[in-house]
Amino acid sequence: MVSQTGLGASIRRPVKSDGGAPLSHLAPSTSKDESPVWSPDGTRIAFARRPGAGGPPRPVLTRAPRLWSIRVASVNDGAGHAVWKGPNTLAGSFPDVAGEANLPGFTDRRVAFRACRDQ
């Protein structure tokens, strides 16, 4: 079972292990994780991660990059790592389109996603 639960400003992906063991989190952090996708063999999950919001409010009319990355985590041990990181530019910001990260799936070696890189 994979689910998203809102915990303050963060979202985590708990995975329920066999035998009713407690929930464990994949690649735990205080970041916002979203758009989970299972690997074809069911051993990994790919997801988009955005840094947690904190600090002073940003001015509403100031445009700033919306940083994000794509991570893959093992369902067995919860360990995860970044497989792609968006550039720190407005064009490299988290997608502002329907479906947002649009992670349709991945294979053993590739993760498919949508990103707008126009300048």
PDB file of N, CA and C in Angstrom:
ATOM      1  N   MET A   1       0.839  -1.166   0.000  1.00  0.00           N
ATOM      2  CA  MET A   1       0.000   0.000   0.000  1.00  0.00           C
ATOM      3  C   MET A   1       0.889   1.235   0.000  1.00  0.00           C
ATOM      4  N   VAL A   2       0.622   2.167  -0.881  1.00  0.00           N
ATOM      5  CA  VAL A   2       1.323   3.444  -0.885  1.00  0.00           C
ATOM      6  C   VAL A   2       0.287   4.521  -0.703  1.00  0.00           C
ATOM      7  N   SER A   3       0.562   5.462   0.176  1.00  0.00           N
ATOM      8  CA  SER A   3      -0.378   6.559   0.371  1.00  0.00           C
ATOM      9  C   SER A   3       0.378   7.831   0.643  1.00  0.00           C
ATOM     10  N   GLN A   4      -0.281   8.943   0.430  1.00  0.00           N
ATOM     11  CA  GLN A   4       0.266  10.248   0.752  1.00  0.00           C
ATOM     12  C   GLN A   4      -0.491  10.760   1.962  1.00  0.00           C
ATOM     13  N   THR A   5       0.247  11.196   2.969  1.00  0.00           N
ATOM     14  CA  THR A   5      -0.405  11.766   4.143  1.00  0.00           C
ATOM     15  C   THR A   5       0.170  13.141   4.393  1.00  0.00           C
ATOM     16  N   GLY A   6      -0.681  14.113   4.617  1.00  0.00           N
ATOM     17  CA  GLY A   6      -0.216  15.462   4.885  1.00  0.00           C
ATOM     18  C   GLY A   6       0.218  15.579   6.333  1.00  0.00           C
ATOM     19  N   LEU A   7       1.458  15.935   6.554  1.00  0.00           N
ATOM     20  CA  LEU A   7       1.976  16.147   7.897  1.00  0.00           C
ATOM     21  C   LEU A   7       2.533  17.558   7.948  1.00  0.00           C
ATOM     22  N   GLY A   8       1.702  18.524   8.305  1.00  0.00           N
ATOM     23  CA  GLY A   8       2.140  19.902   8.285  1.00  0.00           C
ATOM     24  C   GLY A   8       2.409  20.325   6.855  1.00  0.00           C
ATOM     25  N   ALA A   9       3.625  20.824   6.603  1.00  0.00           N
ATOM     26  CA  ALA A   9       3.984  21.282   5.263  1.00  0.00           C
ATOM     27  C   ALA A   9       4.582  20.166   4.428  1.00  0.00           C
ATOM     28  N   SER A  10       4.654  18.962   4.965  1.00  0.00           N
ATOM     29  CA  SER A  10       5.300  17.889   4.217  1.00  0.00           C
ATOM     30  C   SER A  10       4.321  16.785   3.870  1.00  0.00           C
ATOM     31  N   ILE A  11       4.680  15.988   2.898  1.00  0.00           N
ATOM     32  CA  ILE A  11       3.909  14.806   2.525  1.00  0.00           C
ATOM     33  C   ILE A  11       4.892  13.655   2.498  1.00  0.00           C
ATOM     34  N   ARG A  12       4.519  12.542   3.104  1.00  0.00           N
ATOM     35  CA  ARG A  12       5.401  11.382   3.129  1.00  0.00           C
ATOM     36  C   ARG A  12       4.697  10.189   2.531  1.00  0.00           C
ATOM     37  N   ARG A  13       5.450   9.224   2.076  1.00  0.00           N
ATOM     38  CA  ARG A  13       4.908   8.025   1.489  1.00  0.00           C
ATOM     39  C   ARG A  13       5.153   6.840   2.395  1.00  0.00           C
ATOM     40  N   PRO A  14       4.156   6.481   3.209  1.00  0.00           N
ATOM     41  CA  PRO A  14       4.344   5.292   4.028  1.00  0.00           C
ATOM     42  C   PRO A  14       4.053   4.023   3.248  1.00  0.00           C
ATOM     43  N   VAL A  15       4.763   2.976   3.559  1.00  0.00           N
ATOM     44  CA  VAL A  15       4.530   1.672   2.949  1.00  0.00           C
ATOM     45  C   VAL A  15       4.268   0.683   4.066  1.00  0.00           C
ATOM     46  N   LYS A  16       3.137  -0.009   4.005  1.00  0.00           N
ATOM     47  CA  LYS A  16       2.798  -1.005   5.022  1.00  0.00           C
ATOM     48  C   LYS A  16       3.480  -2.309   4.660  1.00  0.00           C
ATOM     49  N   SER A  17       4.293  -2.818   5.589  1.00  0.00           N
ATOM     50  CA  SER A  17       4.972  -4.080   5.329  1.00  0.00           C
ATOM     51  C   SER A  17       4.054  -5.264   5.602  1.00  0.00           C
ATOM     52  N   ASP A  18       4.541  -6.442   5.303  1.00  0.00           N
ATOM     53  CA  ASP A  18       3.762  -7.666   5.510  1.00  0.00           C
ATOM     54  C   ASP A  18       3.506  -7.900   6.999  1.00  0.00           C
ATOM     55  N   GLY A  19       2.496  -8.678   7.294  1.00  0.00           N
ATOM     56  CA  GLY A  19       2.234  -9.103   8.657  1.00  0.00           C
ATOM     57  C   GLY A  19       1.776  -8.013   9.593  1.00  0.00           C
ATOM     58  N   GLY A  20       1.265  -6.917   9.081  1.00  0.00           N
ATOM     59  CA  GLY A  20       0.751  -5.867   9.957  1.00  0.00           C
ATOM     60  C   GLY A  20       1.825  -5.057  10.657  1.00  0.00           C
ATOM     61  N   ALA A  21       3.057  -5.084  10.148  1.00  0.00           N
ATOM     62  CA  ALA A  21       4.128  -4.287  10.750  1.00  0.00           C
ATOM     63  C   ALA A  21       3.788  -2.808  10.629  1.00  0.00           C
ATOM     64  N   PRO A  22       4.375  -1.985  11.472  1.00  0.00           N
ATOM     65  CA  PRO A  22       4.065  -0.552  11.415  1.00  0.00           C
ATOM     66  C   PRO A  22       4.437   0.067  10.066  1.00  0.00           C
ATOM     67  N   LEU A  23       3.845   1.204   9.795  1.00  0.00           N
ATOM     68  CA  LEU A  23       4.166   1.929   8.560  1.00  0.00           C
ATOM     69  C   LEU A  23       5.600   2.423   8.624  1.00  0.00           C
ATOM     70  N   SER A  24       6.258   2.414   7.484  1.00  0.00           N
ATOM     71  CA  SER A  24       7.590   3.003   7.399  1.00  0.00           C
ATOM     72  C   SER A  24       7.576   3.998   6.247  1.00  0.00           C
ATOM     73  N   HIS A  25       8.447   4.980   6.325  1.00  0.00           N
ATOM     74  CA  HIS A  25       8.484   6.034   5.308  1.00  0.00           C
ATOM     75  C   HIS A  25       9.609   5.781   4.326  1.00  0.00           C
ATOM     76  N   LEU A  26       9.346   6.038   3.058  1.00  0.00           N
ATOM     77  CA  LEU A  26      10.365   5.913   2.022  1.00  0.00           C
ATOM     78  C   LEU A  26      11.142   7.212   1.938  1.00  0.00           C
ATOM     79  N   ALA A  27      12.467   7.119   2.025  1.00  0.00           N
ATOM     80  CA  ALA A  27      13.342   8.290   1.910  1.00  0.00           C
ATOM     81  C   ALA A  27      12.792   9.457   2.728  1.00  0.00           C
ATOM     82  N   PRO A  28      12.645   9.311   4.061  1.00  0.00           N
ATOM     83  CA  PRO A  28      12.000  10.341   4.871  1.00  0.00           C
ATOM     84  C   PRO A  28      12.706  11.695   4.806  1.00  0.00           C
ATOM     85  N   SER A  29      11.915  12.752   4.816  1.00  0.00           N
ATOM     86  CA  SER A  29      12.428  14.126   4.825  1.00  0.00           C
ATOM     87  C   SER A  29      11.281  15.054   5.194  1.00  0.00           C
ATOM     88  N   THR A  30      11.562  16.332   5.256  1.00  0.00           N
ATOM     89  CA  THR A  30      10.508  17.322   5.496  1.00  0.00           C
ATOM     90  C   THR A  30      10.072  17.971   4.193  1.00  0.00           C
ATOM     91  N   SER A  31      10.478  17.390   3.066  1.00  0.00           N
ATOM     92  CA  SER A  31      10.100  17.904   1.754  1.00  0.00           C
ATOM     93  C   SER A  31       8.701  17.449   1.381  1.00  0.00           C
ATOM     94  N   LYS A  32       8.176  18.013   0.295  1.00  0.00           N
ATOM     95  CA  LYS A  32       6.863  17.639  -0.216  1.00  0.00           C
ATOM     96  C   LYS A  32       7.062  16.621  -1.334  1.00  0.00           C
ATOM     97  N   ASP A  33       6.621  15.384  -1.102  1.00  0.00           N
ATOM     98  CA  ASP A  33       6.732  14.318  -2.083  1.00  0.00           C
ATOM     99  C   ASP A  33       5.376  14.078  -2.720  1.00  0.00           C
ATOM    100  N   GLU A  34       5.360  13.835  -4.023  1.00  0.00           N
ATOM    101  CA  GLU A  34       4.096  13.640  -4.730  1.00  0.00           C
ATOM    102  C   GLU A  34       4.288  12.829  -5.999  1.00  0.00           C
ATOM    103  N   SER A  35       3.204  12.444  -6.612  1.00  0.00           N
ATOM    104  CA  SER A  35       3.169  11.710  -7.881  1.00  0.00           C
ATOM    105  C   SER A  35       3.902  10.367  -7.821  1.00  0.00           C
ATOM    106  N   PRO A  36       3.578   9.501  -6.853  1.00  0.00           N
ATOM    107  CA  PRO A  36       4.277   8.216  -6.775  1.00  0.00           C
ATOM    108  C   PRO A  36       3.922   7.286  -7.929  1.00  0.00           C
ATOM    109  N   VAL A  37       4.922   6.522  -8.383  1.00  0.00           N
ATOM    110  CA  VAL A  37       4.741   5.551  -9.462  1.00  0.00           C
ATOM    111  C   VAL A  37       5.551   4.303  -9.113  1.00  0.00           C
ATOM    112  N   TRP A  38       4.908   3.150  -9.180  1.00  0.00           N
ATOM    113  CA  TRP A  38       5.578   1.882  -8.904  1.00  0.00           C
ATOM    114  C   TRP A  38       6.438   1.456 -10.072  1.00  0.00           C
ATOM    115  N   SER A  39       7.554   0.772  -9.780  1.00  0.00           N
ATOM    116  CA  SER A  39       8.367   0.157 -10.828  1.00  0.00           C
ATOM    117  C   SER A  39       7.624  -1.080 -11.337  1.00  0.00           C
ATOM    118  N   PRO A  40       7.928  -1.544 -12.553  1.00  0.00           N
ATOM    119  CA  PRO A  40       7.225  -2.717 -13.093  1.00  0.00           C
ATOM    120  C   PRO A  40       7.346  -3.962 -12.207  1.00  0.00           C
ATOM    121  N   ASP A  41       8.482  -4.118 -11.507  1.00  0.00           N
ATOM    122  CA  ASP A  41       8.658  -5.301 -10.658  1.00  0.00           C
ATOM    123  C   ASP A  41       8.154  -5.102  -9.227  1.00  0.00           C
ATOM    124  N   GLY A  42       7.661  -3.907  -8.898  1.00  0.00           N
ATOM    125  CA  GLY A  42       7.080  -3.647  -7.587  1.00  0.00           C
ATOM    126  C   GLY A  42       8.075  -3.463  -6.457  1.00  0.00           C
ATOM    127  N   THR A  43       9.358  -3.272  -6.761  1.00  0.00           N
ATOM    128  CA  THR A  43      10.362  -3.147  -5.705  1.00  0.00           C
ATOM    129  C   THR A  43      10.782  -1.713  -5.425  1.00  0.00           C
ATOM    130  N   ARG A  44      10.403  -0.778  -6.308  1.00  0.00           N
ATOM    131  CA  ARG A  44      10.803   0.623  -6.144  1.00  0.00           C
ATOM    132  C   ARG A  44       9.638   1.545  -6.450  1.00  0.00           C
ATOM    133  N   ILE A  45       9.744   2.759  -5.950  1.00  0.00           N
ATOM    134  CA  ILE A  45       8.746   3.791  -6.224  1.00  0.00           C
ATOM    135  C   ILE A  45       9.492   5.059  -6.632  1.00  0.00           C
ATOM    136  N   ALA A  46       9.085   5.651  -7.744  1.00  0.00           N
ATOM    137  CA  ALA A  46       9.625   6.941  -8.179  1.00  0.00           C
ATOM    138  C   ALA A  46       8.629   8.012  -7.765  1.00  0.00           C
ATOM    139  N   PHE A  47       9.125   9.189  -7.400  1.00  0.00           N
ATOM    140  CA  PHE A  47       8.243  10.282  -7.010  1.00  0.00           C
ATOM    141  C   PHE A  47       8.946  11.618  -7.184  1.00  0.00           C
ATOM    142  N   ALA A  48       8.166  12.662  -7.280  1.00  0.00           N
ATOM    143  CA  ALA A  48       8.694  14.020  -7.370  1.00  0.00           C
ATOM    144  C   ALA A  48       8.844  14.566  -5.951  1.00  0.00           C
ATOM    145  N   ARG A  49       9.925  15.308  -5.711  1.00  0.00           N
ATOM    146  CA  ARG A  49      10.155  15.920  -4.395  1.00  0.00           C
ATOM    147  C   ARG A  49      10.420  17.404  -4.570  1.00  0.00           C
ATOM    148  N   ARG A  50       9.704  18.202  -3.770  1.00  0.00           N
ATOM    149  CA  ARG A  50       9.940  19.643  -3.717  1.00  0.00           C
ATOM    150  C   ARG A  50      10.355  20.004  -2.297  1.00  0.00           C
ATOM    151  N   PRO A  51      11.285  20.957  -2.132  1.00  0.00           N
ATOM    152  CA  PRO A  51      11.708  21.335  -0.786  1.00  0.00           C
ATOM    153  C   PRO A  51      10.519  21.816   0.045  1.00  0.00           C
ATOM    154  N   GLY A  52      10.569  21.524   1.335  1.00  0.00           N
ATOM    155  CA  GLY A  52       9.535  22.011   2.238  1.00  0.00           C
ATOM    156  C   GLY A  52       9.539  23.534   2.294  1.00  0.00           C
ATOM    157  N   ALA A  53       8.371  24.100   2.480  1.00  0.00           N
ATOM    158  CA  ALA A  53       8.254  25.561   2.572  1.00  0.00           C
ATOM    159  C   ALA A  53       8.548  25.984   3.999  1.00  0.00           C
ATOM    160  N   GLY A  54       9.305  27.015   4.154  1.00  0.00           N
ATOM    161  CA  GLY A  54       9.619  27.524   5.477  1.00  0.00           C
ATOM    162  C   GLY A  54      10.244  28.897   5.353  1.00  0.00           C
ATOM    163  N   GLY A  55      10.477  29.515   6.479  1.00  0.00           N
ATOM    164  CA  GLY A  55      11.090  30.832   6.487  1.00  0.00           C
ATOM    165  C   GLY A  55      10.065  31.926   6.299  1.00  0.00           C
ATOM    166  N   PRO A  56      10.538  33.133   6.058  1.00  0.00           N
ATOM    167  CA  PRO A  56       9.616  34.263   5.909  1.00  0.00           C
ATOM    168  C   PRO A  56       8.805  34.153   4.627  1.00  0.00           C
ATOM    169  N   PRO A  57       7.610  34.741   4.604  1.00  0.00           N
ATOM    170  CA  PRO A  57       6.796  34.707   3.378  1.00  0.00           C
ATOM    171  C   PRO A  57       7.520  35.391   2.223  1.00  0.00           C
ATOM    172  N   ARG A  58       7.297  34.858   1.030  1.00  0.00           N
ATOM    173  CA  ARG A  58       7.881  35.473  -0.155  1.00  0.00           C
ATOM    174  C   ARG A  58       6.907  36.497  -0.722  1.00  0.00           C
ATOM    175  N   PRO A  59       7.416  37.570  -1.318  1.00  0.00           N
ATOM    176  CA  PRO A  59       6.525  38.538  -1.948  1.00  0.00           C
ATOM    177  C   PRO A  59       5.690  37.873  -3.042  1.00  0.00           C
ATOM    178  N   VAL A  60       4.418  38.180  -3.092  1.00  0.00           N
ATOM    179  CA  VAL A  60       3.492  37.534  -4.024  1.00  0.00           C
ATOM    180  C   VAL A  60       3.850  37.808  -5.479  1.00  0.00           C
ATOM    181  N   LEU A  61       4.295  38.990  -5.804  1.00  0.00           N
ATOM    182  CA  LEU A  61       4.549  39.354  -7.195  1.00  0.00           C
ATOM    183  C   LEU A  61       5.967  39.051  -7.661  1.00  0.00           C
ATOM    184  N   THR A  62       6.791  38.468  -6.801  1.00  0.00           N
ATOM    185  CA  THR A  62       8.161  38.124  -7.178  1.00  0.00           C
ATOM    186  C   THR A  62       8.193  36.686  -7.672  1.00  0.00           C
ATOM    187  N   ARG A  63       8.692  36.497  -8.887  1.00  0.00           N
ATOM    188  CA  ARG A  63       8.801  35.149  -9.436  1.00  0.00           C
ATOM    189  C   ARG A  63      10.124  34.543  -9.000  1.00  0.00           C
ATOM    190  N   ALA A  64      10.063  33.316  -8.530  1.00  0.00           N
ATOM    191  CA  ALA A  64      11.263  32.605  -8.100  1.00  0.00           C
ATOM    192  C   ALA A  64      11.167  31.162  -8.579  1.00  0.00           C
ATOM    193  N   PRO A  65      12.294  30.526  -8.839  1.00  0.00           N
ATOM    194  CA  PRO A  65      12.260  29.125  -9.269  1.00  0.00           C
ATOM    195  C   PRO A  65      11.587  28.236  -8.222  1.00  0.00           C
ATOM    196  N   ARG A  66      10.838  27.268  -8.695  1.00  0.00           N
ATOM    197  CA  ARG A  66      10.213  26.268  -7.812  1.00  0.00           C
ATOM    198  C   ARG A  66      11.003  24.979  -7.989  1.00  0.00           C
ATOM    199  N   LEU A  67      11.979  24.790  -7.111  1.00  0.00           N
ATOM    200  CA  LEU A  67      12.907  23.667  -7.222  1.00  0.00           C
ATOM    201  C   LEU A  67      12.200  22.330  -7.057  1.00  0.00           C
ATOM    202  N   TRP A  68      12.725  21.317  -7.727  1.00  0.00           N
ATOM    203  CA  TRP A  68      12.188  19.972  -7.593  1.00  0.00           C
ATOM    204  C   TRP A  68      13.189  18.951  -8.093  1.00  0.00           C
ATOM    205  N   SER A  69      12.960  17.704  -7.718  1.00  0.00           N
ATOM    206  CA  SER A  69      13.798  16.608  -8.169  1.00  0.00           C
ATOM    207  C   SER A  69      12.936  15.355  -8.306  1.00  0.00           C
ATOM    208  N   ILE A  70      13.485  14.356  -8.964  1.00  0.00           N
ATOM    209  CA  ILE A  70      12.827  13.058  -9.059  1.00  0.00           C
ATOM    210  C   ILE A  70      13.690  12.075  -8.298  1.00  0.00           C
ATOM    211  N   ARG A  71      13.065  11.329  -7.404  1.00  0.00           N
ATOM    212  CA  ARG A  71      13.766  10.377  -6.557  1.00  0.00           C
ATOM    213  C   ARG A  71      13.195   8.988  -6.770  1.00  0.00           C
ATOM    214  N   VAL A  72      14.008   7.992  -6.495  1.00  0.00           N
ATOM    215  CA  VAL A  72      13.584   6.591  -6.532  1.00  0.00           C
ATOM    216  C   VAL A  72      13.947   5.986  -5.183  1.00  0.00           C
ATOM    217  N   ALA A  73      12.982   5.294  -4.562  1.00  0.00           N
ATOM    218  CA  ALA A  73      13.215   4.668  -3.264  1.00  0.00           C
ATOM    219  C   ALA A  73      12.891   3.182  -3.330  1.00  0.00           C
ATOM    220  N   SER A  74      13.637   2.412  -2.573  1.00  0.00           N
ATOM    221  CA  SER A  74      13.416   0.971  -2.474  1.00  0.00           C
ATOM    222  C   SER A  74      12.281   0.696  -1.500  1.00  0.00           C
ATOM    223  N   VAL A  75      11.355  -0.149  -1.895  1.00  0.00           N
ATOM    224  CA  VAL A  75      10.251  -0.524  -1.011  1.00  0.00           C
ATOM    225  C   VAL A  75      10.769  -1.405   0.117  1.00  0.00           C
ATOM    226  N   ASN A  76      11.827  -2.176  -0.137  1.00  0.00           N
ATOM    227  CA  ASN A  76      12.347  -3.108   0.862  1.00  0.00           C
ATOM    228  C   ASN A  76      12.980  -2.416   2.067  1.00  0.00           C
ATOM    229  N   ASP A  77      13.854  -1.433   1.823  1.00  0.00           N
ATOM    230  CA  ASP A  77      14.544  -0.804   2.950  1.00  0.00           C
ATOM    231  C   ASP A  77      14.249   0.689   3.110  1.00  0.00           C
ATOM    232  N   GLY A  78      13.480   1.278   2.196  1.00  0.00           N
ATOM    233  CA  GLY A  78      13.114   2.683   2.306  1.00  0.00           C
ATOM    234  C   GLY A  78      14.175   3.658   1.835  1.00  0.00           C
ATOM    235  N   ALA A  79      15.365   3.163   1.476  1.00  0.00           N
ATOM    236  CA  ALA A  79      16.441   4.042   1.019  1.00  0.00           C
ATOM    237  C   ALA A  79      16.092   4.634  -0.333  1.00  0.00           C
ATOM    238  N   GLY A  80      16.412   5.915  -0.516  1.00  0.00           N
ATOM    239  CA  GLY A  80      16.114   6.577  -1.780  1.00  0.00           C
ATOM    240  C   GLY A  80      17.248   7.478  -2.217  1.00  0.00           C
ATOM    241  N   HIS A  81      17.222   7.856  -3.473  1.00  0.00           N
ATOM    242  CA  HIS A  81      18.236   8.758  -4.006  1.00  0.00           C
ATOM    243  C   HIS A  81      17.645   9.551  -5.169  1.00  0.00           C
ATOM    244  N   ALA A  82      18.245  10.699  -5.432  1.00  0.00           N
ATOM    245  CA  ALA A  82      17.812  11.543  -6.542  1.00  0.00           C
ATOM    246  C   ALA A  82      18.345  10.967  -7.842  1.00  0.00           C
ATOM    247  N   VAL A  83      17.480  10.885  -8.858  1.00  0.00           N
ATOM    248  CA  VAL A  83      17.905  10.445 -10.182  1.00  0.00           C
ATOM    249  C   VAL A  83      17.920  11.608 -11.169  1.00  0.00           C
ATOM    250  N   TRP A  84      17.292  12.718 -10.787  1.00  0.00           N
ATOM    251  CA  TRP A  84      17.292  13.924 -11.625  1.00  0.00           C
ATOM    252  C   TRP A  84      16.959  15.112 -10.745  1.00  0.00           C
ATOM    253  N   LYS A  85      17.601  16.242 -11.031  1.00  0.00           N
ATOM    254  CA  LYS A  85      17.323  17.474 -10.292  1.00  0.00           C
ATOM    255  C   LYS A  85      17.120  18.599 -11.289  1.00  0.00           C
ATOM    256  N   GLY A  86      15.995  19.318 -11.131  1.00  0.00           N
ATOM    257  CA  GLY A  86      15.711  20.436 -12.022  1.00  0.00           C
ATOM    258  C   GLY A  86      16.682  21.585 -11.800  1.00  0.00           C
ATOM    259  N   PRO A  87      16.990  22.347 -12.847  1.00  0.00           N
ATOM    260  CA  PRO A  87      17.893  23.489 -12.688  1.00  0.00           C
ATOM    261  C   PRO A  87      17.242  24.594 -11.857  1.00  0.00           C
ATOM    262  N   ASN A  88      18.054  25.386 -11.203  1.00  0.00           N
ATOM    263  CA  ASN A  88      17.576  26.479 -10.351  1.00  0.00           C
ATOM    264  C   ASN A  88      17.271  27.710 -11.213  1.00  0.00           C
ATOM    265  N   THR A  89      16.289  27.548 -12.128  1.00  0.00           N
ATOM    266  CA  THR A  89      15.876  28.624 -13.028  1.00  0.00           C
ATOM    267  C   THR A  89      14.348  28.633 -13.101  1.00  0.00           C
ATOM    268  N   LEU A  90      13.776  29.727 -13.576  1.00  0.00           N
ATOM    269  CA  LEU A  90      12.323  29.769 -13.750  1.00  0.00           C
ATOM    270  C   LEU A  90      11.872  28.710 -14.740  1.00  0.00           C
ATOM    271  N   ALA A  91      12.623  28.537 -15.835  1.00  0.00           N
ATOM    272  CA  ALA A  91      12.251  27.548 -16.849  1.00  0.00           C
ATOM    273  C   ALA A  91      12.356  26.123 -16.307  1.00  0.00           C
ATOM    274  N   GLY A  92      13.204  25.892 -15.320  1.00  0.00           N
ATOM    275  CA  GLY A  92      13.382  24.562 -14.755  1.00  0.00           C
ATOM    276  C   GLY A  92      12.491  24.289 -13.557  1.00  0.00           C
ATOM    277  N   SER A  93      11.552  25.199 -13.267  1.00  0.00           N
ATOM    278  CA  SER A  93      10.674  25.064 -12.109  1.00  0.00           C
ATOM    279  C   SER A  93       9.743  23.864 -12.213  1.00  0.00           C
ATOM    280  N   PHE A  94       9.182  23.460 -11.065  1.00  0.00           N
ATOM    281  CA  PHE A  94       8.207  22.377 -11.023  1.00  0.00           C
ATOM    282  C   PHE A  94       7.099  22.685 -12.021  1.00  0.00           C
ATOM    283  N   PRO A  95       6.685  21.721 -12.835  1.00  0.00           N
ATOM    284  CA  PRO A  95       5.705  21.974 -13.897  1.00  0.00           C
ATOM    285  C   PRO A  95       4.392  22.552 -13.379  1.00  0.00           C
ATOM    286  N   ASP A  96       3.949  23.595 -14.019  1.00  0.00           N
ATOM    287  CA  ASP A  96       2.683  24.251 -13.671  1.00  0.00           C
ATOM    288  C   ASP A  96       1.646  23.885 -14.726  1.00  0.00           C
ATOM    289  N   VAL A  97       1.443  22.574 -14.897  1.00  0.00           N
ATOM    290  CA  VAL A  97       0.494  22.053 -15.875  1.00  0.00           C
ATOM    291  C   VAL A  97      -0.355  20.990 -15.195  1.00  0.00           C
ATOM    292  N   ALA A  98      -1.435  20.607 -15.844  1.00  0.00           N
ATOM    293  CA  ALA A  98      -2.275  19.538 -15.292  1.00  0.00           C
ATOM    294  C   ALA A  98      -1.432  18.276 -15.123  1.00  0.00           C
ATOM    295  N   GLY A  99      -1.536  17.645 -13.978  1.00  0.00           N
ATOM    296  CA  GLY A  99      -0.757  16.445 -13.715  1.00  0.00           C
ATOM    297  C   GLY A  99       0.599  16.726 -13.103  1.00  0.00           C
ATOM    298  N   GLU A 100       0.998  17.973 -13.075  1.00  0.00           N
ATOM    299  CA  GLU A 100       2.263  18.436 -12.503  1.00  0.00           C
ATOM    300  C   GLU A 100       3.446  17.615 -12.995  1.00  0.00           C
ATOM    301  N   ALA A 101       4.058  16.771 -12.163  1.00  0.00           N
ATOM    302  CA  ALA A 101       5.275  16.055 -12.572  1.00  0.00           C
ATOM    303  C   ALA A 101       4.999  15.019 -13.655  1.00  0.00           C
ATOM    304  N   ASN A 102       3.764  14.513 -13.738  1.00  0.00           N
ATOM    305  CA  ASN A 102       3.409  13.537 -14.779  1.00  0.00           C
ATOM    306  C   ASN A 102       4.434  12.420 -14.896  1.00  0.00           C
ATOM    307  N   LEU A 103       4.563  11.623 -13.847  1.00  0.00           N
ATOM    308  CA  LEU A 103       5.460  10.472 -13.874  1.00  0.00           C
ATOM    309  C   LEU A 103       4.654   9.253 -14.315  1.00  0.00           C
ATOM    310  N   PRO A 104       4.617   8.969 -15.609  1.00  0.00           N
ATOM    311  CA  PRO A 104       3.774   7.873 -16.080  1.00  0.00           C
ATOM    312  C   PRO A 104       4.323   6.492 -15.740  1.00  0.00           C
ATOM    313  N   GLY A 105       5.587   6.384 -15.447  1.00  0.00           N
ATOM    314  CA  GLY A 105       6.159   5.091 -15.112  1.00  0.00           C
ATOM    315  C   GLY A 105       7.647   5.067 -15.370  1.00  0.00           C
ATOM    316  N   PHE A 106       8.257   3.950 -15.043  1.00  0.00           N
ATOM    317  CA  PHE A 106       9.674   3.828 -15.322  1.00  0.00           C
ATOM    318  C   PHE A 106      10.066   2.372 -15.505  1.00  0.00           C
ATOM    319  N   THR A 107      11.240   2.186 -16.099  1.00  0.00           N
ATOM    320  CA  THR A 107      11.777   0.857 -16.344  1.00  0.00           C
ATOM    321  C   THR A 107      12.947   0.655 -15.392  1.00  0.00           C
ATOM    322  N   ASP A 108      13.746  -0.346 -15.647  1.00  0.00           N
ATOM    323  CA  ASP A 108      14.907  -0.588 -14.803  1.00  0.00           C
ATOM    324  C   ASP A 108      15.907   0.560 -14.852  1.00  0.00           C
ATOM    325  N   ARG A 109      15.969   1.259 -15.968  1.00  0.00           N
ATOM    326  CA  ARG A 109      17.012   2.276 -16.140  1.00  0.00           C
ATOM    327  C   ARG A 109      16.501   3.682 -16.405  1.00  0.00           C
ATOM    328  N   ARG A 110      15.209   3.882 -16.667  1.00  0.00           N
ATOM    329  CA  ARG A 110      14.713   5.208 -17.046  1.00  0.00           C
ATOM    330  C   ARG A 110      13.423   5.566 -16.332  1.00  0.00           C
ATOM    331  N   VAL A 111      13.309   6.859 -16.023  1.00  0.00           N
ATOM    332  CA  VAL A 111      12.081   7.407 -15.442  1.00  0.00           C
ATOM    333  C   VAL A 111      11.550   8.420 -16.445  1.00  0.00           C
ATOM    334  N   ALA A 112      10.292   8.281 -16.832  1.00  0.00           N
ATOM    335  CA  ALA A 112       9.681   9.229 -17.767  1.00  0.00           C
ATOM    336  C   ALA A 112       8.991  10.334 -16.973  1.00  0.00           C
ATOM    337  N   PHE A 113       9.133  11.586 -17.427  1.00  0.00           N
ATOM    338  CA  PHE A 113       8.476  12.718 -16.761  1.00  0.00           C
ATOM    339  C   PHE A 113       8.370  13.875 -17.731  1.00  0.00           C
ATOM    340  N   ARG A 114       7.556  14.856 -17.342  1.00  0.00           N
ATOM    341  CA  ARG A 114       7.367  16.054 -18.166  1.00  0.00           C
ATOM    342  C   ARG A 114       8.016  17.239 -17.471  1.00  0.00           C
ATOM    343  N   ALA A 115       8.752  18.037 -18.229  1.00  0.00           N
ATOM    344  CA  ALA A 115       9.331  19.256 -17.690  1.00  0.00           C
ATOM    345  C   ALA A 115       9.381  20.296 -18.803  1.00  0.00           C
ATOM    346  N   CYS A 116       9.015  21.517 -18.499  1.00  0.00           N
ATOM    347  CA  CYS A 116       9.060  22.613 -19.467  1.00  0.00           C
ATOM    348  C   CYS A 116      10.405  23.286 -19.344  1.00  0.00           C
ATOM    349  N   ARG A 117      11.193  23.256 -20.388  1.00  0.00           N
ATOM    350  CA  ARG A 117      12.532  23.815 -20.347  1.00  0.00           C
ATOM    351  C   ARG A 117      12.684  24.995 -21.304  1.00  0.00           C
ATOM    352  N   ASP A 118      11.572  25.533 -21.803  1.00  0.00           N
ATOM    353  CA  ASP A 118      11.642  26.687 -22.701  1.00  0.00           C
ATOM    354  C   ASP A 118      12.208  27.883 -21.952  1.00  0.00           C
ATOM    355  N   GLN A 119      12.958  28.708 -22.648  1.00  0.00           N
ATOM    356  CA  GLN A 119      13.544  29.902 -22.034  1.00  0.00           C
ATOM    357  C   GLN A 119      12.674  31.109 -22.243  1.00  0.00           C
TER     358      GLN A 119
END
